[in-house]
PDB file of N, CA and C in Angstrom:
ATOM      1  N   UNK A   1     166.491  -7.973 -14.327  1.00  0.00           N
ATOM      2  CA  UNK A   1     165.510  -7.448 -13.406  1.00  0.00           C
ATOM      3  C   UNK A   1     166.120  -7.417 -12.020  1.00  0.00           C
ATOM      4  N   UNK A   2     165.860  -6.381 -11.282  1.00  0.00           N
ATOM      5  CA  UNK A   2     166.482  -6.195  -9.979  1.00  0.00           C
ATOM      6  C   UNK A   2     166.002  -7.179  -8.923  1.00  0.00           C
ATOM      7  N   UNK A   3     164.754  -7.570  -8.976  1.00  0.00           N
ATOM      8  CA  UNK A   3     164.178  -8.397  -7.921  1.00  0.00           C
ATOM      9  C   UNK A   3     163.869  -9.823  -8.334  1.00  0.00           C
ATOM     10  N   UNK A   4     163.954 -10.130  -9.619  1.00  0.00           N
ATOM     11  CA  UNK A   4     163.532 -11.444 -10.094  1.00  0.00           C
ATOM     12  C   UNK A   4     164.658 -12.100 -10.878  1.00  0.00           C
ATOM     13  N   UNK A   5     164.851 -13.354 -10.635  1.00  0.00           N
ATOM     14  CA  UNK A   5     165.833 -14.132 -11.382  1.00  0.00           C
ATOM     15  C   UNK A   5     165.308 -14.360 -12.790  1.00  0.00           C
ATOM     16  N   UNK A   6     166.168 -14.107 -13.763  1.00  0.00           N
ATOM     17  CA  UNK A   6     165.792 -14.385 -15.147  1.00  0.00           C
ATOM     18  C   UNK A   6     166.718 -15.493 -15.639  1.00  0.00           C
ATOM     19  N   UNK A   7     167.860 -15.151 -16.181  1.00  0.00           N
ATOM     20  CA  UNK A   7     168.842 -16.163 -16.559  1.00  0.00           C
ATOM     21  C   UNK A   7     169.837 -16.335 -15.427  1.00  0.00           C
ATOM     22  N   UNK A   8     170.309 -15.249 -14.885  1.00  0.00           N
ATOM     23  CA  UNK A   8     171.224 -15.263 -13.747  1.00  0.00           C
ATOM     24  C   UNK A   8     170.478 -14.802 -12.511  1.00  0.00           C
ATOM     25  N   UNK A   9     171.208 -14.516 -11.451  1.00  0.00           N
ATOM     26  CA  UNK A   9     170.558 -14.106 -10.205  1.00  0.00           C
ATOM     27  C   UNK A   9     170.009 -12.680 -10.304  1.00  0.00           C
ATOM     28  N   UNK A  10     169.023 -12.394  -9.481  1.00  0.00           N
ATOM     29  CA  UNK A  10     168.517 -11.023  -9.371  1.00  0.00           C
ATOM     30  C   UNK A  10     169.612 -10.149  -8.765  1.00  0.00           C
ATOM     31  N   UNK A  11     169.665  -8.905  -9.187  1.00  0.00           N
ATOM     32  CA  UNK A  11     170.678  -7.992  -8.651  1.00  0.00           C
ATOM     33  C   UNK A  11     170.578  -7.883  -7.135  1.00  0.00           C
ATOM     34  N   UNK A  12     169.365  -7.923  -6.596  1.00  0.00           N
ATOM     35  CA  UNK A  12     169.200  -7.833  -5.147  1.00  0.00           C
ATOM     36  C   UNK A  12     169.856  -9.021  -4.435  1.00  0.00           C
ATOM     37  N   UNK A  13     169.851 -10.198  -5.064  1.00  0.00           N
ATOM     38  CA  UNK A  13     170.519 -11.360  -4.470  1.00  0.00           C
ATOM     39  C   UNK A  13     172.039 -11.200  -4.502  1.00  0.00           C
ATOM     40  N   UNK A  14     172.554 -10.641  -5.590  1.00  0.00           N
ATOM     41  CA  UNK A  14     173.995 -10.380  -5.672  1.00  0.00           C
ATOM     42  C   UNK A  14     174.380  -9.373  -4.601  1.00  0.00           C
ATOM     43  N   UNK A  15     173.608  -8.287  -4.503  1.00  0.00           N
ATOM     44  CA  UNK A  15     173.895  -7.258  -3.510  1.00  0.00           C
ATOM     45  C   UNK A  15     173.858  -7.833  -2.092  1.00  0.00           C
ATOM     46  N   UNK A  16     172.893  -8.694  -1.815  1.00  0.00           N
ATOM     47  CA  UNK A  16     172.792  -9.297  -0.482  1.00  0.00           C
ATOM     48  C   UNK A  16     173.990 -10.192  -0.189  1.00  0.00           C
ATOM     49  N   UNK A  17     174.429 -10.959  -1.189  1.00  0.00           N
ATOM     50  CA  UNK A  17     175.567 -11.860  -0.975  1.00  0.00           C
ATOM     51  C   UNK A  17     176.839 -11.085  -0.634  1.00  0.00           C
ATOM     52  N   UNK A  18     177.015  -9.937  -1.252  1.00  0.00           N
ATOM     53  CA  UNK A  18     178.251  -9.170  -1.077  1.00  0.00           C
ATOM     54  C   UNK A  18     178.098  -7.984  -0.129  1.00  0.00           C
ATOM     55  N   UNK A  19     176.997  -7.923   0.610  1.00  0.00           N
ATOM     56  CA  UNK A  19     176.697  -6.773   1.467  1.00  0.00           C
ATOM     57  C   UNK A  19     177.806  -6.457   2.467  1.00  0.00           C
ATOM     58  N   UNK A  20     178.461  -7.444   3.001  1.00  0.00           N
ATOM     59  CA  UNK A  20     179.477  -7.223   4.030  1.00  0.00           C
ATOM     60  C   UNK A  20     180.898  -7.427   3.516  1.00  0.00           C
ATOM     61  N   UNK A  21     181.064  -7.402   2.216  1.00  0.00           N
ATOM     62  CA  UNK A  21     182.377  -7.626   1.615  1.00  0.00           C
ATOM     63  C   UNK A  21     182.963  -6.302   1.139  1.00  0.00           C
ATOM     64  N   UNK A  22     183.981  -5.788   1.819  1.00  0.00           N
ATOM     65  CA  UNK A  22     184.558  -4.505   1.412  1.00  0.00           C
ATOM     66  C   UNK A  22     185.240  -4.553   0.042  1.00  0.00           C
ATOM     67  N   UNK A  23     185.552  -5.726  -0.451  1.00  0.00           N
ATOM     68  CA  UNK A  23     186.198  -5.870  -1.752  1.00  0.00           C
ATOM     69  C   UNK A  23     185.189  -6.178  -2.858  1.00  0.00           C
ATOM     70  N   UNK A  24     183.901  -6.058  -2.574  1.00  0.00           N
ATOM     71  CA  UNK A  24     182.859  -6.486  -3.501  1.00  0.00           C
ATOM     72  C   UNK A  24     182.927  -5.781  -4.850  1.00  0.00           C
ATOM     73  N   UNK A  25     183.141  -4.479  -4.862  1.00  0.00           N
ATOM     74  CA  UNK A  25     183.165  -3.764  -6.144  1.00  0.00           C
ATOM     75  C   UNK A  25     184.277  -4.320  -7.033  1.00  0.00           C
ATOM     76  N   UNK A  26     185.459  -4.489  -6.479  1.00  0.00           N
ATOM     77  CA  UNK A  26     186.574  -5.025  -7.255  1.00  0.00           C
ATOM     78  C   UNK A  26     186.348  -6.452  -7.704  1.00  0.00           C
ATOM     79  N   UNK A  27     185.806  -7.265  -6.825  1.00  0.00           N
ATOM     80  CA  UNK A  27     185.523  -8.661  -7.154  1.00  0.00           C
ATOM     81  C   UNK A  27     184.509  -8.762  -8.282  1.00  0.00           C
ATOM     82  N   UNK A  28     183.415  -8.027  -8.153  1.00  0.00           N
ATOM     83  CA  UNK A  28     182.380  -8.083  -9.178  1.00  0.00           C
ATOM     84  C   UNK A  28     182.851  -7.460 -10.486  1.00  0.00           C
ATOM     85  N   UNK A  29     183.597  -6.373 -10.411  1.00  0.00           N
ATOM     86  CA  UNK A  29     184.110  -5.739 -11.626  1.00  0.00           C
ATOM     87  C   UNK A  29     185.000  -6.713 -12.403  1.00  0.00           C
ATOM     88  N   UNK A  30     185.847  -7.422 -11.689  1.00  0.00           N
ATOM     89  CA  UNK A  30     186.727  -8.399 -12.346  1.00  0.00           C
ATOM     90  C   UNK A  30     185.913  -9.517 -12.989  1.00  0.00           C
ATOM     91  N   UNK A  31     184.838  -9.953 -12.320  1.00  0.00           N
ATOM     92  CA  UNK A  31     183.995 -11.019 -12.882  1.00  0.00           C
ATOM     93  C   UNK A  31     183.190 -10.528 -14.068  1.00  0.00           C
ATOM     94  N   UNK A  32     182.791  -9.268 -14.044  1.00  0.00           N
ATOM     95  CA  UNK A  32     182.067  -8.703 -15.191  1.00  0.00           C
ATOM     96  C   UNK A  32     182.972  -8.722 -16.415  1.00  0.00           C
ATOM     97  N   UNK A  33     184.209  -8.312 -16.251  1.00  0.00           N
ATOM     98  CA  UNK A  33     185.153  -8.256 -17.371  1.00  0.00           C
ATOM     99  C   UNK A  33     185.532  -9.655 -17.851  1.00  0.00           C
ATOM    100  N   UNK A  34     185.845 -10.544 -16.926  1.00  0.00           N
ATOM    101  CA  UNK A  34     186.348 -11.877 -17.285  1.00  0.00           C
ATOM    102  C   UNK A  34     185.242 -12.878 -17.599  1.00  0.00           C
ATOM    103  N   UNK A  35     184.025 -12.639 -17.099  1.00  0.00           N
ATOM    104  CA  UNK A  35     182.967 -13.628 -17.236  1.00  0.00           C
ATOM    105  C   UNK A  35     183.203 -14.750 -16.242  1.00  0.00           C
ATOM    106  N   UNK A  36     182.445 -15.791 -16.352  1.00  0.00           N
ATOM    107  CA  UNK A  36     182.639 -16.917 -15.446  1.00  0.00           C
ATOM    108  C   UNK A  36     181.378 -17.723 -15.291  1.00  0.00           C
ATOM    109  N   UNK A  37     181.429 -18.643 -14.377  1.00  0.00           N
ATOM    110  CA  UNK A  37     180.282 -19.501 -14.109  1.00  0.00           C
ATOM    111  C   UNK A  37     180.478 -20.280 -12.839  1.00  0.00           C
ATOM    112  N   UNK A  38     179.406 -20.886 -12.389  1.00  0.00           N
ATOM    113  CA  UNK A  38     179.469 -21.737 -11.216  1.00  0.00           C
ATOM    114  C   UNK A  38     179.157 -21.045  -9.905  1.00  0.00           C
ATOM    115  N   UNK A  39     179.080 -19.722  -9.902  1.00  0.00           N
ATOM    116  CA  UNK A  39     178.776 -19.014  -8.660  1.00  0.00           C
ATOM    117  C   UNK A  39     177.284 -18.964  -8.370  1.00  0.00           C
ATOM    118  N   UNK A  40     176.478 -19.006  -9.429  1.00  0.00           N
ATOM    119  CA  UNK A  40     175.036 -18.885  -9.287  1.00  0.00           C
ATOM    120  C   UNK A  40     174.301 -19.952 -10.090  1.00  0.00           C
ATOM    121  N   UNK A  41     174.936 -21.041 -10.358  1.00  0.00           N
ATOM    122  CA  UNK A  41     174.303 -22.093 -11.139  1.00  0.00           C
ATOM    123  C   UNK A  41     175.159 -22.451 -12.344  1.00  0.00           C
ATOM    124  N   UNK A  42     174.579 -23.197 -13.249  1.00  0.00           N
ATOM    125  CA  UNK A  42     175.330 -23.737 -14.374  1.00  0.00           C
ATOM    126  C   UNK A  42     175.486 -22.768 -15.546  1.00  0.00           C
ATOM    127  N   UNK A  43     174.639 -21.762 -15.657  1.00  0.00           N
ATOM    128  CA  UNK A  43     174.683 -20.846 -16.794  1.00  0.00           C
ATOM    129  C   UNK A  43     175.883 -19.908 -16.669  1.00  0.00           C
ATOM    130  N   UNK A  44     176.828 -19.974 -17.611  1.00  0.00           N
ATOM    131  CA  UNK A  44     177.989 -19.083 -17.529  1.00  0.00           C
ATOM    132  C   UNK A  44     177.620 -17.647 -17.899  1.00  0.00           C
ATOM    133  N   UNK A  45     178.312 -16.710 -17.283  1.00  0.00           N
ATOM    134  CA  UNK A  45     178.148 -15.300 -17.619  1.00  0.00           C
ATOM    135  C   UNK A  45     179.202 -14.950 -18.665  1.00  0.00           C
ATOM    136  N   UNK A  46     178.796 -14.410 -19.802  1.00  0.00           N
ATOM    137  CA  UNK A  46     179.780 -14.077 -20.833  1.00  0.00           C
ATOM    138  C   UNK A  46     180.694 -12.936 -20.383  1.00  0.00           C
ATOM    139  N   UNK A  47     181.918 -12.981 -20.850  1.00  0.00           N
ATOM    140  CA  UNK A  47     182.884 -11.931 -20.540  1.00  0.00           C
ATOM    141  C   UNK A  47     182.480 -10.626 -21.214  1.00  0.00           C
ATOM    142  N   UNK A  48     182.770  -9.536 -20.561  1.00  0.00           N
ATOM    143  CA  UNK A  48     182.540  -8.198 -21.105  1.00  0.00           C
ATOM    144  C   UNK A  48     183.903  -7.506 -21.206  1.00  0.00           C
ATOM    145  N   UNK A  49     184.808  -8.135 -21.953  1.00  0.00           N
ATOM    146  CA  UNK A  49     186.202  -7.685 -22.040  1.00  0.00           C
ATOM    147  C   UNK A  49     186.341  -6.315 -22.685  1.00  0.00           C
ATOM    148  N   UNK A  50     185.304  -5.833 -23.342  1.00  0.00           N
ATOM    149  CA  UNK A  50     185.361  -4.514 -23.960  1.00  0.00           C
ATOM    150  C   UNK A  50     185.179  -3.378 -22.957  1.00  0.00           C
ATOM    151  N   UNK A  51     184.800  -3.692 -21.725  1.00  0.00           N
ATOM    152  CA  UNK A  51     184.614  -2.673 -20.698  1.00  0.00           C
ATOM    153  C   UNK A  51     185.940  -2.332 -20.037  1.00  0.00           C
ATOM    154  N   UNK A  52     186.099  -1.074 -19.682  1.00  0.00           N
ATOM    155  CA  UNK A  52     187.265  -0.678 -18.892  1.00  0.00           C
ATOM    156  C   UNK A  52     187.023  -1.066 -17.432  1.00  0.00           C
ATOM    157  N   UNK A  53     188.061  -1.054 -16.634  1.00  0.00           N
ATOM    158  CA  UNK A  53     187.899  -1.355 -15.206  1.00  0.00           C
ATOM    159  C   UNK A  53     186.969  -0.344 -14.549  1.00  0.00           C
ATOM    160  N   UNK A  54     187.035   0.901 -14.971  1.00  0.00           N
ATOM    161  CA  UNK A  54     186.168   1.941 -14.406  1.00  0.00           C
ATOM    162  C   UNK A  54     184.704   1.686 -14.757  1.00  0.00           C
ATOM    163  N   UNK A  55     184.443   1.293 -15.996  1.00  0.00           N
ATOM    164  CA  UNK A  55     183.072   0.981 -16.402  1.00  0.00           C
ATOM    165  C   UNK A  55     182.539  -0.234 -15.649  1.00  0.00           C
ATOM    166  N   UNK A  56     183.364  -1.253 -15.511  1.00  0.00           N
ATOM    167  CA  UNK A  56     182.945  -2.454 -14.785  1.00  0.00           C
ATOM    168  C   UNK A  56     182.700  -2.130 -13.313  1.00  0.00           C
ATOM    169  N   UNK A  57     183.528  -1.280 -12.728  1.00  0.00           N
ATOM    170  CA  UNK A  57     183.337  -0.876 -11.333  1.00  0.00           C
ATOM    171  C   UNK A  57     182.043  -0.082 -11.176  1.00  0.00           C
ATOM    172  N   UNK A  58     181.722   0.758 -12.154  1.00  0.00           N
ATOM    173  CA  UNK A  58     180.462   1.500 -12.102  1.00  0.00           C
ATOM    174  C   UNK A  58     179.273   0.550 -12.157  1.00  0.00           C
ATOM    175  N   UNK A  59     179.343  -0.467 -13.021  1.00  0.00           N
ATOM    176  CA  UNK A  59     178.276  -1.471 -13.084  1.00  0.00           C
ATOM    177  C   UNK A  59     178.164  -2.237 -11.775  1.00  0.00           C
ATOM    178  N   UNK A  60     179.292  -2.627 -11.212  1.00  0.00           N
ATOM    179  CA  UNK A  60     179.300  -3.362  -9.944  1.00  0.00           C
ATOM    180  C   UNK A  60     178.694  -2.516  -8.831  1.00  0.00           C
ATOM    181  N   UNK A  61     179.057  -1.245  -8.791  1.00  0.00           N
ATOM    182  CA  UNK A  61     178.500  -0.338  -7.780  1.00  0.00           C
ATOM    183  C   UNK A  61     176.993  -0.215  -7.933  1.00  0.00           C
ATOM    184  N   UNK A  62     176.528  -0.123  -9.180  1.00  0.00           N
ATOM    185  CA  UNK A  62     175.111  -0.047  -9.441  1.00  0.00           C
ATOM    186  C   UNK A  62     174.389  -1.314  -8.976  1.00  0.00           C
ATOM    187  N   UNK A  63     174.941  -2.479  -9.298  1.00  0.00           N
ATOM    188  CA  UNK A  63     174.342  -3.747  -8.877  1.00  0.00           C
ATOM    189  C   UNK A  63     174.284  -3.823  -7.349  1.00  0.00           C
ATOM    190  N   UNK A  64     175.348  -3.399  -6.677  1.00  0.00           N
ATOM    191  CA  UNK A  64     175.379  -3.450  -5.219  1.00  0.00           C
ATOM    192  C   UNK A  64     174.421  -2.453  -4.576  1.00  0.00           C
ATOM    193  N   UNK A  65     173.929  -1.489  -5.336  1.00  0.00           N
ATOM    194  CA  UNK A  65     172.983  -0.512  -4.779  1.00  0.00           C
ATOM    195  C   UNK A  65     171.599  -1.121  -4.549  1.00  0.00           C
ATOM    196  N   UNK A  66     171.363  -2.343  -4.998  1.00  0.00           N
ATOM    197  CA  UNK A  66     170.071  -2.994  -4.844  1.00  0.00           C
ATOM    198  C   UNK A  66     169.930  -3.710  -3.503  1.00  0.00           C
ATOM    199  N   UNK A  67     170.698  -3.318  -2.521  1.00  0.00           N
ATOM    200  CA  UNK A  67     170.613  -3.923  -1.178  1.00  0.00           C
ATOM    201  C   UNK A  67     169.317  -3.608  -0.512  1.00  0.00           C
TER     202      UNK A  67
END
């Protein structure tokens, strides 16, 4: 959900955190592919290794559009 936290952060919170980061698309795309945890709490985000860098960048751009 764009405005409400469910398991991870709301997309609007992610967009707000990275609003002034010119490298945000690349950073988020890399995290989407690799997965990770600890940035938004204890729940790890599963890796999406099946995505291409272009697909992950498109997802990151979409998430950042919730500013």
